[in-house]
């Protein structure tokens, strides 16, 4: 199946995040008046498809319109496939600030030069950094070492970060940076926001309640489902699932589909669930194998250890879980019922998944 069509960012399609945009405007306005802001930096995070990248793209477009040459703006969309990621990121930032360095200089020299240029810029420097969670741990360490750590203490620099999780790869381990960053989670859209997005996409707002129920109100889900839901909801859900699992190896995707039913993934409960999904003997799924699968899922950042209603546990990204559940219910209701029954048996009659 080909990847579903996703619209490119367009300010006319931007919906709902006014409070977050205004929060950044407010911080910059305070900087321009030399009024202290604490914490100065902002890290937006939330499930895959909740609109983080569109928010940063919107800020990249709207900040120059709002503040003109009162500020300096750097936009750093990170590409994990770039073999020279950190050097290219630093040099791109230098170019955005109209600062040139000769070829052949070291990363330390580029970082120091960029830091000194920002220090004496005479106006706020706003740095937008997106896709942090897609980087390898080594790439994140380099971005932290040469880019974030040297600049975040400068009194005129504001970082705005985008990531699926608050601290991908531990990049927020710097205690001082933790103290100086405000974490803001992007929630799903409400029904009215979903209706508005569908309207702006040229769709029929009357299908919004069904889409909200099936996709959870996440912008990427709304976008895909709005196109396919009226004619073939099952196919639309499969396309949505494919988009949300983009970049995940196919052999690992099947485990996401098998384990989307429970609210919390517990290693002891994985063997019967996986055996039911794949039609195998539970003895084929020993604890060591299940733990390895779970840790592979965690490394995608689409499953993480977090607080839940009855304590802590491994929880799937809510956008992914919602769509996978909806797709399974609609496209394979018999398997859905088997997995629900399996969960009931595992929990001695207490139904976990709703």
C-alpha atoms as a PDB file:
ATOM      1  CA  UNK A   1       0.000   0.000   0.000  1.00  0.00           C
ATOM      2  CA  UNK A   2       1.320   3.456  -0.883  1.00  0.00           C
ATOM      3  CA  UNK A   3       1.725   6.032   1.824  1.00  0.00           C
ATOM      4  CA  UNK A   4      -1.433   8.153   2.168  1.00  0.00           C
ATOM      5  CA  UNK A   5      -1.452  11.716   0.913  1.00  0.00           C
ATOM      6  CA  UNK A   6      -0.645  14.230   3.624  1.00  0.00           C
ATOM      7  CA  UNK A   7      -1.040  17.943   2.914  1.00  0.00           C
ATOM      8  CA  UNK A   8       1.961  20.179   3.281  1.00  0.00           C
ATOM      9  CA  UNK A   9       1.797  22.825   5.970  1.00  0.00           C
ATOM     10  CA  UNK A  10      -0.275  25.824   5.017  1.00  0.00           C
ATOM     11  CA  UNK A  11      -1.200  28.587   7.438  1.00  0.00           C
ATOM     12  CA  UNK A  12      -4.806  28.435   6.177  1.00  0.00           C
ATOM     13  CA  UNK A  13      -4.995  24.837   7.469  1.00  0.00           C
ATOM     14  CA  UNK A  14      -3.519  25.635  10.895  1.00  0.00           C
ATOM     15  CA  UNK A  15      -6.111  24.978  13.605  1.00  0.00           C
ATOM     16  CA  UNK A  16      -6.403  25.172  17.374  1.00  0.00           C
ATOM     17  CA  UNK A  17      -2.906  25.847  18.743  1.00  0.00           C
ATOM     18  CA  UNK A  18      -3.494  29.564  19.363  1.00  0.00           C
ATOM     19  CA  UNK A  19      -2.760  29.315  23.090  1.00  0.00           C
ATOM     20  CA  UNK A  20       0.635  27.720  22.402  1.00  0.00           C
ATOM     21  CA  UNK A  21       1.455  30.262  19.697  1.00  0.00           C
ATOM     22  CA  UNK A  22       0.474  33.137  21.971  1.00  0.00           C
ATOM     23  CA  UNK A  23       2.664  31.697  24.726  1.00  0.00           C
ATOM     24  CA  UNK A  24       5.724  32.002  22.459  1.00  0.00           C
ATOM     25  CA  UNK A  25       4.656  35.504  21.340  1.00  0.00           C
ATOM     26  CA  UNK A  26       4.363  36.505  25.000  1.00  0.00           C
ATOM     27  CA  UNK A  27       7.849  35.262  25.858  1.00  0.00           C
ATOM     28  CA  UNK A  28       9.406  37.096  22.918  1.00  0.00           C
ATOM     29  CA  UNK A  29       7.532  40.304  23.781  1.00  0.00           C
ATOM     30  CA  UNK A  30       8.907  40.113  27.304  1.00  0.00           C
ATOM     31  CA  UNK A  31      12.426  39.593  25.958  1.00  0.00           C
ATOM     32  CA  UNK A  32      12.064  42.660  23.738  1.00  0.00           C
ATOM     33  CA  UNK A  33      11.110  44.713  26.807  1.00  0.00           C
ATOM     34  CA  UNK A  34      14.088  43.217  28.716  1.00  0.00           C
ATOM     35  CA  UNK A  35      11.666  41.718  31.259  1.00  0.00           C
ATOM     36  CA  UNK A  36      12.923  38.390  32.647  1.00  0.00           C
ATOM     37  CA  UNK A  37      11.122  35.269  31.456  1.00  0.00           C
ATOM     38  CA  UNK A  38      11.365  32.016  33.356  1.00  0.00           C
ATOM     39  CA  UNK A  39      11.538  29.419  32.070  1.00  0.00           C
ATOM     40  CA  UNK A  40      12.649  30.981  28.777  1.00  0.00           C
ATOM     41  CA  UNK A  41      12.659  27.836  26.613  1.00  0.00           C
ATOM     42  CA  UNK A  42       9.673  25.748  25.509  1.00  0.00           C
ATOM     43  CA  UNK A  43       9.483  22.065  24.591  1.00  0.00           C
ATOM     44  CA  UNK A  44       6.321  20.936  22.813  1.00  0.00           C
ATOM     45  CA  UNK A  45       5.630  17.233  22.946  1.00  0.00           C
ATOM     46  CA  UNK A  46       2.782  14.839  22.337  1.00  0.00           C
ATOM     47  CA  UNK A  47       1.728  11.722  20.418  1.00  0.00           C
ATOM     48  CA  UNK A  48       2.704  11.130  16.811  1.00  0.00           C
ATOM     49  CA  UNK A  49       0.448  13.176  14.549  1.00  0.00           C
ATOM     50  CA  UNK A  50      -0.642  15.723  17.171  1.00  0.00           C
ATOM     51  CA  UNK A  51       0.651  18.652  15.104  1.00  0.00           C
ATOM     52  CA  UNK A  52       4.073  19.462  16.604  1.00  0.00           C
ATOM     53  CA  UNK A  53       5.803  19.966  13.267  1.00  0.00           C
ATOM     54  CA  UNK A  54       2.951  22.093  11.935  1.00  0.00           C
ATOM     55  CA  UNK A  55       3.144  24.218  15.089  1.00  0.00           C
ATOM     56  CA  UNK A  56       6.866  24.857  14.582  1.00  0.00           C
ATOM     57  CA  UNK A  57       6.336  25.516  10.865  1.00  0.00           C
ATOM     58  CA  UNK A  58       3.583  27.955  11.798  1.00  0.00           C
ATOM     59  CA  UNK A  59       5.903  29.744  14.224  1.00  0.00           C
ATOM     60  CA  UNK A  60       8.599  29.875  11.551  1.00  0.00           C
ATOM     61  CA  UNK A  61       6.138  31.646   9.253  1.00  0.00           C
ATOM     62  CA  UNK A  62       4.315  33.824  11.748  1.00  0.00           C
ATOM     63  CA  UNK A  63       7.168  35.088  13.948  1.00  0.00           C
ATOM     64  CA  UNK A  64       8.751  37.259  11.197  1.00  0.00           C
ATOM     65  CA  UNK A  65       5.291  38.663  10.413  1.00  0.00           C
ATOM     66  CA  UNK A  66       4.691  39.424  14.086  1.00  0.00           C
ATOM     67  CA  UNK A  67       8.096  40.781  15.119  1.00  0.00           C
ATOM     68  CA  UNK A  68       9.920  41.636  11.882  1.00  0.00           C
ATOM     69  CA  UNK A  69      13.607  42.445  12.315  1.00  0.00           C
ATOM     70  CA  UNK A  70      13.245  42.876  16.074  1.00  0.00           C
ATOM     71  CA  UNK A  71      14.253  39.219  16.404  1.00  0.00           C
ATOM     72  CA  UNK A  72      16.602  36.761  14.728  1.00  0.00           C
ATOM     73  CA  UNK A  73      15.022  33.447  13.767  1.00  0.00           C
ATOM     74  CA  UNK A  74      16.604  30.033  13.167  1.00  0.00           C
ATOM     75  CA  UNK A  75      14.618  26.992  12.048  1.00  0.00           C
ATOM     76  CA  UNK A  76      16.353  23.623  12.458  1.00  0.00           C
ATOM     77  CA  UNK A  77      14.328  20.648  11.175  1.00  0.00           C
ATOM     78  CA  UNK A  78      16.605  17.728  12.018  1.00  0.00           C
ATOM     79  CA  UNK A  79      17.146  14.925   9.502  1.00  0.00           C
ATOM     80  CA  UNK A  80      18.478  11.717  11.094  1.00  0.00           C
ATOM     81  CA  UNK A  81      19.526  10.434   7.635  1.00  0.00           C
ATOM     82  CA  UNK A  82      22.018  13.308   7.221  1.00  0.00           C
ATOM     83  CA  UNK A  83      25.530  11.845   7.761  1.00  0.00           C
ATOM     84  CA  UNK A  84      26.793  15.339   8.657  1.00  0.00           C
ATOM     85  CA  UNK A  85      23.782  16.305  10.733  1.00  0.00           C
ATOM     86  CA  UNK A  86      25.427  18.370  13.456  1.00  0.00           C
ATOM     87  CA  UNK A  87      27.785  20.278  11.150  1.00  0.00           C
ATOM     88  CA  UNK A  88      25.018  21.021   8.661  1.00  0.00           C
ATOM     89  CA  UNK A  89      22.685  22.098  11.459  1.00  0.00           C
ATOM     90  CA  UNK A  90      25.262  24.459  12.932  1.00  0.00           C
ATOM     91  CA  UNK A  91      26.207  25.922   9.564  1.00  0.00           C
ATOM     92  CA  UNK A  92      22.549  26.364   8.634  1.00  0.00           C
ATOM     93  CA  UNK A  93      22.022  28.276  11.881  1.00  0.00           C
ATOM     94  CA  UNK A  94      25.033  30.445  11.085  1.00  0.00           C
ATOM     95  CA  UNK A  95      23.650  31.244   7.626  1.00  0.00           C
ATOM     96  CA  UNK A  96      20.247  32.140   9.099  1.00  0.00           C
ATOM     97  CA  UNK A  97      22.023  34.617  11.372  1.00  0.00           C
ATOM     98  CA  UNK A  98      24.117  35.954   8.474  1.00  0.00           C
ATOM     99  CA  UNK A  99      27.272  34.660  10.105  1.00  0.00           C
ATOM    100  CA  UNK A 100      29.925  32.937   8.007  1.00  0.00           C
ATOM    101  CA  UNK A 101      32.740  30.610   8.997  1.00  0.00           C
ATOM    102  CA  UNK A 102      35.466  29.242   6.705  1.00  0.00           C
ATOM    103  CA  UNK A 103      35.424  25.619   5.621  1.00  0.00           C
ATOM    104  CA  UNK A 104      37.610  23.175   7.485  1.00  0.00           C
ATOM    105  CA  UNK A 105      36.925  24.497  10.998  1.00  0.00           C
ATOM    106  CA  UNK A 106      36.042  22.035  13.755  1.00  0.00           C
ATOM    107  CA  UNK A 107      32.649  21.533  15.346  1.00  0.00           C
ATOM    108  CA  UNK A 108      33.991  23.148  18.516  1.00  0.00           C
ATOM    109  CA  UNK A 109      35.006  26.242  16.562  1.00  0.00           C
ATOM    110  CA  UNK A 110      31.650  26.470  14.756  1.00  0.00           C
ATOM    111  CA  UNK A 111      29.794  26.076  18.048  1.00  0.00           C
ATOM    112  CA  UNK A 112      31.911  28.723  19.800  1.00  0.00           C
ATOM    113  CA  UNK A 113      31.573  31.123  16.881  1.00  0.00           C
ATOM    114  CA  UNK A 114      27.796  30.681  16.748  1.00  0.00           C
ATOM    115  CA  UNK A 115      27.509  31.148  20.518  1.00  0.00           C
ATOM    116  CA  UNK A 116      29.546  34.368  20.497  1.00  0.00           C
ATOM    117  CA  UNK A 117      27.602  35.727  17.523  1.00  0.00           C
ATOM    118  CA  UNK A 118      24.315  35.125  19.382  1.00  0.00           C
ATOM    119  CA  UNK A 119      25.721  36.606  22.583  1.00  0.00           C
ATOM    120  CA  UNK A 120      26.393  39.936  20.887  1.00  0.00           C
ATOM    121  CA  UNK A 121      23.414  39.917  18.521  1.00  0.00           C
ATOM    122  CA  UNK A 122      21.684  42.742  20.385  1.00  0.00           C
ATOM    123  CA  UNK A 123      18.208  41.207  19.974  1.00  0.00           C
ATOM    124  CA  UNK A 124      16.389  37.995  20.860  1.00  0.00           C
ATOM    125  CA  UNK A 125      17.439  34.878  18.941  1.00  0.00           C
ATOM    126  CA  UNK A 126      14.583  32.379  18.571  1.00  0.00           C
ATOM    127  CA  UNK A 127      15.713  28.847  17.626  1.00  0.00           C
ATOM    128  CA  UNK A 128      13.091  26.320  16.494  1.00  0.00           C
ATOM    129  CA  UNK A 129      14.316  22.694  16.632  1.00  0.00           C
ATOM    130  CA  UNK A 130      12.046  19.932  15.325  1.00  0.00           C
ATOM    131  CA  UNK A 131      12.164  16.109  15.126  1.00  0.00           C
ATOM    132  CA  UNK A 132      14.477  15.563  18.110  1.00  0.00           C
ATOM    133  CA  UNK A 133      12.880  12.211  18.889  1.00  0.00           C
ATOM    134  CA  UNK A 134      13.805  10.816  15.460  1.00  0.00           C
ATOM    135  CA  UNK A 135      17.540  11.092  16.150  1.00  0.00           C
ATOM    136  CA  UNK A 136      19.821   8.338  17.398  1.00  0.00           C
ATOM    137  CA  UNK A 137      21.205   8.740  20.934  1.00  0.00           C
ATOM    138  CA  UNK A 138      24.599   9.718  19.470  1.00  0.00           C
ATOM    139  CA  UNK A 139      23.022  12.386  17.253  1.00  0.00           C
ATOM    140  CA  UNK A 140      21.062  13.756  20.201  1.00  0.00           C
ATOM    141  CA  UNK A 141      24.242  13.934  22.305  1.00  0.00           C
ATOM    142  CA  UNK A 142      25.963  15.939  19.549  1.00  0.00           C
ATOM    143  CA  UNK A 143      23.012  18.301  19.130  1.00  0.00           C
ATOM    144  CA  UNK A 144      23.031  18.801  22.884  1.00  0.00           C
ATOM    145  CA  UNK A 145      26.806  19.225  23.140  1.00  0.00           C
ATOM    146  CA  UNK A 146      27.365  21.620  20.237  1.00  0.00           C
ATOM    147  CA  UNK A 147      24.020  23.365  19.826  1.00  0.00           C
ATOM    148  CA  UNK A 148      21.642  23.355  22.799  1.00  0.00           C
ATOM    149  CA  UNK A 149      24.062  23.343  25.745  1.00  0.00           C
ATOM    150  CA  UNK A 150      26.247  26.286  24.590  1.00  0.00           C
ATOM    151  CA  UNK A 151      23.279  28.505  23.693  1.00  0.00           C
ATOM    152  CA  UNK A 152      20.527  27.844  26.204  1.00  0.00           C
ATOM    153  CA  UNK A 153      22.179  29.874  28.980  1.00  0.00           C
ATOM    154  CA  UNK A 154      22.475  33.046  26.886  1.00  0.00           C
ATOM    155  CA  UNK A 155      19.991  35.652  28.165  1.00  0.00           C
ATOM    156  CA  UNK A 156      18.750  36.543  24.668  1.00  0.00           C
ATOM    157  CA  UNK A 157      18.210  33.010  23.273  1.00  0.00           C
ATOM    158  CA  UNK A 158      14.837  31.208  23.280  1.00  0.00           C
ATOM    159  CA  UNK A 159      14.689  27.580  22.204  1.00  0.00           C
ATOM    160  CA  UNK A 160      11.397  26.103  20.977  1.00  0.00           C
ATOM    161  CA  UNK A 161      11.697  22.320  20.668  1.00  0.00           C
ATOM    162  CA  UNK A 162       9.434  19.710  19.090  1.00  0.00           C
ATOM    163  CA  UNK A 163       9.492  16.047  20.112  1.00  0.00           C
ATOM    164  CA  UNK A 164       7.094  13.137  20.684  1.00  0.00           C
ATOM    165  CA  UNK A 165       8.391  12.678  24.237  1.00  0.00           C
ATOM    166  CA  UNK A 166       9.677  15.236  26.763  1.00  0.00           C
ATOM    167  CA  UNK A 167      13.231  13.853  26.808  1.00  0.00           C
ATOM    168  CA  UNK A 168      14.121  11.727  23.762  1.00  0.00           C
ATOM    169  CA  UNK A 169      17.372   9.886  24.248  1.00  0.00           C
ATOM    170  CA  UNK A 170      17.889  11.768  27.522  1.00  0.00           C
ATOM    171  CA  UNK A 171      18.720  15.074  25.810  1.00  0.00           C
ATOM    172  CA  UNK A 172      17.222  16.975  28.745  1.00  0.00           C
ATOM    173  CA  UNK A 173      19.702  15.455  31.186  1.00  0.00           C
ATOM    174  CA  UNK A 174      21.361  18.836  31.700  1.00  0.00           C
ATOM    175  CA  UNK A 175      19.923  19.881  35.071  1.00  0.00           C
ATOM    176  CA  UNK A 176      20.226  23.579  34.242  1.00  0.00           C
ATOM    177  CA  UNK A 177      18.379  23.115  30.953  1.00  0.00           C
ATOM    178  CA  UNK A 178      15.630  21.128  32.687  1.00  0.00           C
ATOM    179  CA  UNK A 179      15.189  24.070  35.011  1.00  0.00           C
ATOM    180  CA  UNK A 180      15.045  26.541  32.115  1.00  0.00           C
ATOM    181  CA  UNK A 181      12.582  24.715  29.836  1.00  0.00           C
ATOM    182  CA  UNK A 182       8.790  24.670  29.975  1.00  0.00           C
ATOM    183  CA  UNK A 183       7.231  21.393  28.831  1.00  0.00           C
ATOM    184  CA  UNK A 184       3.906  21.770  27.028  1.00  0.00           C
ATOM    185  CA  UNK A 185       1.976  18.712  25.902  1.00  0.00           C
ATOM    186  CA  UNK A 186      -0.173  19.094  22.792  1.00  0.00           C
ATOM    187  CA  UNK A 187      -3.571  17.532  23.424  1.00  0.00           C
ATOM    188  CA  UNK A 188      -5.828  16.046  20.725  1.00  0.00           C
ATOM    189  CA  UNK A 189      -8.371  18.267  18.998  1.00  0.00           C
ATOM    190  CA  UNK A 190     -11.864  18.674  20.405  1.00  0.00           C
ATOM    191  CA  UNK A 191     -14.902  17.916  18.243  1.00  0.00           C
ATOM    192  CA  UNK A 192     -15.226  21.568  17.220  1.00  0.00           C
ATOM    193  CA  UNK A 193     -11.533  21.719  16.279  1.00  0.00           C
ATOM    194  CA  UNK A 194     -11.862  18.474  14.315  1.00  0.00           C
ATOM    195  CA  UNK A 195     -14.882  19.887  12.477  1.00  0.00           C
ATOM    196  CA  UNK A 196     -12.941  23.046  11.657  1.00  0.00           C
ATOM    197  CA  UNK A 197      -9.938  21.129  10.358  1.00  0.00           C
ATOM    198  CA  UNK A 198     -12.132  18.945   8.149  1.00  0.00           C
ATOM    199  CA  UNK A 199     -13.887  22.059   6.861  1.00  0.00           C
ATOM    200  CA  UNK A 200     -10.554  23.688   5.979  1.00  0.00           C
ATOM    201  CA  UNK A 201      -9.473  20.484   4.248  1.00  0.00           C
ATOM    202  CA  UNK A 202     -12.550  20.734   2.057  1.00  0.00           C
ATOM    203  CA  UNK A 203     -14.361  17.836   3.711  1.00  0.00           C
ATOM    204  CA  UNK A 204     -17.790  17.382   5.243  1.00  0.00           C
ATOM    205  CA  UNK A 205     -17.888  18.409   8.942  1.00  0.00           C
ATOM    206  CA  UNK A 206     -20.825  16.009   9.475  1.00  0.00           C
ATOM    207  CA  UNK A 207     -18.362  13.089   9.510  1.00  0.00           C
ATOM    208  CA  UNK A 208     -16.339  14.702  12.324  1.00  0.00           C
ATOM    209  CA  UNK A 209     -17.911  12.729  15.236  1.00  0.00           C
ATOM    210  CA  UNK A 210     -17.077   9.397  13.584  1.00  0.00           C
ATOM    211  CA  UNK A 211     -13.536  10.563  12.820  1.00  0.00           C
ATOM    212  CA  UNK A 212     -13.025  11.850  16.357  1.00  0.00           C
ATOM    213  CA  UNK A 213     -14.104   8.472  17.742  1.00  0.00           C
ATOM    214  CA  UNK A 214     -11.942   6.468  15.321  1.00  0.00           C
ATOM    215  CA  UNK A 215      -8.829   8.655  15.289  1.00  0.00           C
ATOM    216  CA  UNK A 216      -8.829  10.321  18.677  1.00  0.00           C
ATOM    217  CA  UNK A 217      -8.828  13.888  17.350  1.00  0.00           C
ATOM    218  CA  UNK A 218      -5.176  13.942  16.280  1.00  0.00           C
ATOM    219  CA  UNK A 219      -4.525  16.223  13.281  1.00  0.00           C
ATOM    220  CA  UNK A 220      -2.751  13.633  11.112  1.00  0.00           C
ATOM    221  CA  UNK A 221      -5.582  11.145  11.759  1.00  0.00           C
ATOM    222  CA  UNK A 222      -8.200  13.787  10.960  1.00  0.00           C
ATOM    223  CA  UNK A 223      -6.436  14.660   7.711  1.00  0.00           C
ATOM    224  CA  UNK A 224      -6.260  11.093   6.406  1.00  0.00           C
ATOM    225  CA  UNK A 225      -9.644   9.939   7.656  1.00  0.00           C
ATOM    226  CA  UNK A 226     -11.432  13.015   6.280  1.00  0.00           C
ATOM    227  CA  UNK A 227     -10.393  11.980   2.779  1.00  0.00           C
ATOM    228  CA  UNK A 228     -11.317   8.302   2.963  1.00  0.00           C
ATOM    229  CA  UNK A 229     -13.987   7.922   5.641  1.00  0.00           C
ATOM    230  CA  UNK A 230     -17.154   8.638   3.615  1.00  0.00           C
ATOM    231  CA  UNK A 231     -16.369   6.015   0.939  1.00  0.00           C
ATOM    232  CA  UNK A 232     -14.280   3.362   2.728  1.00  0.00           C
ATOM    233  CA  UNK A 233     -13.687   3.815   6.468  1.00  0.00           C
ATOM    234  CA  UNK A 234     -11.802   0.503   6.705  1.00  0.00           C
ATOM    235  CA  UNK A 235      -9.274   1.499   4.042  1.00  0.00           C
ATOM    236  CA  UNK A 236      -8.972   4.978   5.546  1.00  0.00           C
ATOM    237  CA  UNK A 237      -8.110   3.470   8.930  1.00  0.00           C
ATOM    238  CA  UNK A 238      -5.475   1.218   7.366  1.00  0.00           C
ATOM    239  CA  UNK A 239      -3.920   4.215   5.604  1.00  0.00           C
ATOM    240  CA  UNK A 240      -3.975   6.125   8.882  1.00  0.00           C
ATOM    241  CA  UNK A 241      -2.319   3.243  10.726  1.00  0.00           C
ATOM    242  CA  UNK A 242       0.341   3.046   8.042  1.00  0.00           C
ATOM    243  CA  UNK A 243       1.101   6.748   8.399  1.00  0.00           C
ATOM    244  CA  UNK A 244       1.313   6.564  12.191  1.00  0.00           C
ATOM    245  CA  UNK A 245       3.650   3.552  12.008  1.00  0.00           C
ATOM    246  CA  UNK A 246       5.848   5.150   9.345  1.00  0.00           C
ATOM    247  CA  UNK A 247       9.501   4.271   9.827  1.00  0.00           C
ATOM    248  CA  UNK A 248       8.758   1.257  12.051  1.00  0.00           C
ATOM    249  CA  UNK A 249      10.106  -2.050  10.619  1.00  0.00           C
ATOM    250  CA  UNK A 250       7.322  -4.252   9.255  1.00  0.00           C
ATOM    251  CA  UNK A 251       8.127  -7.139  11.592  1.00  0.00           C
ATOM    252  CA  UNK A 252       7.735  -4.772  14.545  1.00  0.00           C
ATOM    253  CA  UNK A 253       4.541  -3.170  13.225  1.00  0.00           C
ATOM    254  CA  UNK A 254       2.699  -6.460  13.644  1.00  0.00           C
ATOM    255  CA  UNK A 255       3.392  -6.392  17.381  1.00  0.00           C
ATOM    256  CA  UNK A 256       1.884  -2.918  17.666  1.00  0.00           C
ATOM    257  CA  UNK A 257      -1.240  -4.278  15.993  1.00  0.00           C
ATOM    258  CA  UNK A 258      -1.307  -7.301  18.310  1.00  0.00           C
ATOM    259  CA  UNK A 259      -0.827  -5.292  21.501  1.00  0.00           C
ATOM    260  CA  UNK A 260      -3.074  -2.281  20.828  1.00  0.00           C
ATOM    261  CA  UNK A 261      -6.010  -3.823  22.732  1.00  0.00           C
ATOM    262  CA  UNK A 262      -4.815  -3.568  26.375  1.00  0.00           C
ATOM    263  CA  UNK A 263      -4.382  -0.117  27.901  1.00  0.00           C
ATOM    264  CA  UNK A 264      -1.084  -1.157  29.493  1.00  0.00           C
ATOM    265  CA  UNK A 265       1.358  -3.676  27.982  1.00  0.00           C
ATOM    266  CA  UNK A 266       2.549  -6.142  30.617  1.00  0.00           C
ATOM    267  CA  UNK A 267       5.219  -8.710  29.753  1.00  0.00           C
ATOM    268  CA  UNK A 268       3.417 -11.477  31.659  1.00  0.00           C
ATOM    269  CA  UNK A 269       0.287 -10.885  29.562  1.00  0.00           C
ATOM    270  CA  UNK A 270       2.022 -10.708  26.190  1.00  0.00           C
ATOM    271  CA  UNK A 271       2.299 -14.490  25.455  1.00  0.00           C
ATOM    272  CA  UNK A 272      -1.465 -15.220  25.359  1.00  0.00           C
ATOM    273  CA  UNK A 273      -2.184 -12.001  23.446  1.00  0.00           C
ATOM    274  CA  UNK A 274       0.515 -12.634  20.841  1.00  0.00           C
ATOM    275  CA  UNK A 275      -0.454 -16.304  20.565  1.00  0.00           C
ATOM    276  CA  UNK A 276      -4.090 -15.325  19.999  1.00  0.00           C
ATOM    277  CA  UNK A 277      -3.179 -12.709  17.401  1.00  0.00           C
ATOM    278  CA  UNK A 278      -0.845 -14.967  15.426  1.00  0.00           C
ATOM    279  CA  UNK A 279      -2.717 -18.230  16.022  1.00  0.00           C
ATOM    280  CA  UNK A 280       0.194 -19.896  17.805  1.00  0.00           C
ATOM    281  CA  UNK A 281       0.913 -21.721  21.034  1.00  0.00           C
ATOM    282  CA  UNK A 282       1.581 -19.343  23.976  1.00  0.00           C
ATOM    283  CA  UNK A 283       4.679 -21.454  24.759  1.00  0.00           C
ATOM    284  CA  UNK A 284       6.273 -19.987  21.601  1.00  0.00           C
ATOM    285  CA  UNK A 285       6.322 -16.610  23.346  1.00  0.00           C
ATOM    286  CA  UNK A 286       8.670 -16.970  26.292  1.00  0.00           C
ATOM    287  CA  UNK A 287       9.425 -14.102  28.664  1.00  0.00           C
ATOM    288  CA  UNK A 288      12.816 -13.324  27.119  1.00  0.00           C
ATOM    289  CA  UNK A 289      11.326 -13.037  23.615  1.00  0.00           C
ATOM    290  CA  UNK A 290       8.460 -10.866  24.853  1.00  0.00           C
ATOM    291  CA  UNK A 291      10.833  -8.580  26.745  1.00  0.00           C
ATOM    292  CA  UNK A 292      12.968  -8.150  23.624  1.00  0.00           C
ATOM    293  CA  UNK A 293       9.888  -7.257  21.563  1.00  0.00           C
ATOM    294  CA  UNK A 294       8.713  -4.775  24.172  1.00  0.00           C
ATOM    295  CA  UNK A 295      12.110  -3.071  24.389  1.00  0.00           C
ATOM    296  CA  UNK A 296      12.203  -2.804  20.564  1.00  0.00           C
ATOM    297  CA  UNK A 297       8.814  -1.094  20.748  1.00  0.00           C
ATOM    298  CA  UNK A 298      10.063   1.266  23.457  1.00  0.00           C
ATOM    299  CA  UNK A 299      13.018   2.293  21.283  1.00  0.00           C
ATOM    300  CA  UNK A 300      10.579   3.637  18.673  1.00  0.00           C
ATOM    301  CA  UNK A 301       9.262   6.131  21.289  1.00  0.00           C
ATOM    302  CA  UNK A 302       5.751   4.881  20.463  1.00  0.00           C
ATOM    303  CA  UNK A 303       5.688   2.882  23.715  1.00  0.00           C
ATOM    304  CA  UNK A 304       6.984   4.342  26.939  1.00  0.00           C
ATOM    305  CA  UNK A 305       6.952   3.830  30.692  1.00  0.00           C
ATOM    306  CA  UNK A 306       4.508   6.247  32.231  1.00  0.00           C
ATOM    307  CA  UNK A 307       2.078   6.762  35.071  1.00  0.00           C
ATOM    308  CA  UNK A 308      -1.297   5.129  34.577  1.00  0.00           C
ATOM    309  CA  UNK A 309      -4.534   5.003  36.542  1.00  0.00           C
ATOM    310  CA  UNK A 310      -3.357   2.134  38.746  1.00  0.00           C
ATOM    311  CA  UNK A 311       0.363   2.858  38.823  1.00  0.00           C
ATOM    312  CA  UNK A 312       3.091   2.749  36.178  1.00  0.00           C
ATOM    313  CA  UNK A 313       3.344   0.645  33.043  1.00  0.00           C
ATOM    314  CA  UNK A 314       4.336   0.478  29.376  1.00  0.00           C
ATOM    315  CA  UNK A 315       1.757   2.464  27.432  1.00  0.00           C
ATOM    316  CA  UNK A 316       1.407   2.767  23.661  1.00  0.00           C
ATOM    317  CA  UNK A 317       1.293   6.188  22.004  1.00  0.00           C
ATOM    318  CA  UNK A 318      -2.408   7.125  22.342  1.00  0.00           C
ATOM    319  CA  UNK A 319      -2.779   8.252  18.707  1.00  0.00           C
ATOM    320  CA  UNK A 320      -1.340   4.973  17.419  1.00  0.00           C
ATOM    321  CA  UNK A 321      -3.319   2.861  19.884  1.00  0.00           C
ATOM    322  CA  UNK A 322      -6.612   4.603  19.037  1.00  0.00           C
ATOM    323  CA  UNK A 323      -6.260   4.134  15.282  1.00  0.00           C
ATOM    324  CA  UNK A 324      -4.991   0.542  15.510  1.00  0.00           C
ATOM    325  CA  UNK A 325      -7.882  -0.382  17.784  1.00  0.00           C
ATOM    326  CA  UNK A 326     -10.396   1.234  15.426  1.00  0.00           C
ATOM    327  CA  UNK A 327      -8.881  -0.496  12.396  1.00  0.00           C
ATOM    328  CA  UNK A 328      -8.919  -3.880  14.142  1.00  0.00           C
ATOM    329  CA  UNK A 329     -12.519  -3.476  15.304  1.00  0.00           C
ATOM    330  CA  UNK A 330     -13.765  -2.474  11.857  1.00  0.00           C
ATOM    331  CA  UNK A 331     -11.600  -4.653   9.614  1.00  0.00           C
ATOM    332  CA  UNK A 332     -11.178  -7.803  11.729  1.00  0.00           C
ATOM    333  CA  UNK A 333     -13.960  -7.882  14.334  1.00  0.00           C
ATOM    334  CA  UNK A 334     -13.533 -11.623  14.976  1.00  0.00           C
ATOM    335  CA  UNK A 335      -9.890 -11.167  16.010  1.00  0.00           C
ATOM    336  CA  UNK A 336     -10.845  -8.127  18.074  1.00  0.00           C
ATOM    337  CA  UNK A 337     -13.348 -10.210  20.036  1.00  0.00           C
ATOM    338  CA  UNK A 338     -10.776 -12.996  20.536  1.00  0.00           C
ATOM    339  CA  UNK A 339      -8.239 -10.516  21.926  1.00  0.00           C
ATOM    340  CA  UNK A 340     -10.850  -8.990  24.227  1.00  0.00           C
ATOM    341  CA  UNK A 341     -11.757 -12.442  25.493  1.00  0.00           C
ATOM    342  CA  UNK A 342      -8.071 -13.212  26.012  1.00  0.00           C
ATOM    343  CA  UNK A 343      -7.659 -10.076  28.130  1.00  0.00           C
ATOM    344  CA  UNK A 344     -10.726 -11.002  30.174  1.00  0.00           C
ATOM    345  CA  UNK A 345      -9.238 -14.404  30.893  1.00  0.00           C
ATOM    346  CA  UNK A 346      -5.831 -12.988  31.767  1.00  0.00           C
ATOM    347  CA  UNK A 347      -7.385 -10.544  34.230  1.00  0.00           C
ATOM    348  CA  UNK A 348      -9.750 -13.091  35.739  1.00  0.00           C
ATOM    349  CA  UNK A 349     -12.861 -11.565  34.208  1.00  0.00           C
ATOM    350  CA  UNK A 350     -11.896  -7.892  34.647  1.00  0.00           C
ATOM    351  CA  UNK A 351     -12.138  -6.183  31.250  1.00  0.00           C
ATOM    352  CA  UNK A 352      -9.208  -3.809  30.695  1.00  0.00           C
ATOM    353  CA  UNK A 353      -9.673  -2.625  27.140  1.00  0.00           C
ATOM    354  CA  UNK A 354     -12.782  -0.631  26.343  1.00  0.00           C
END
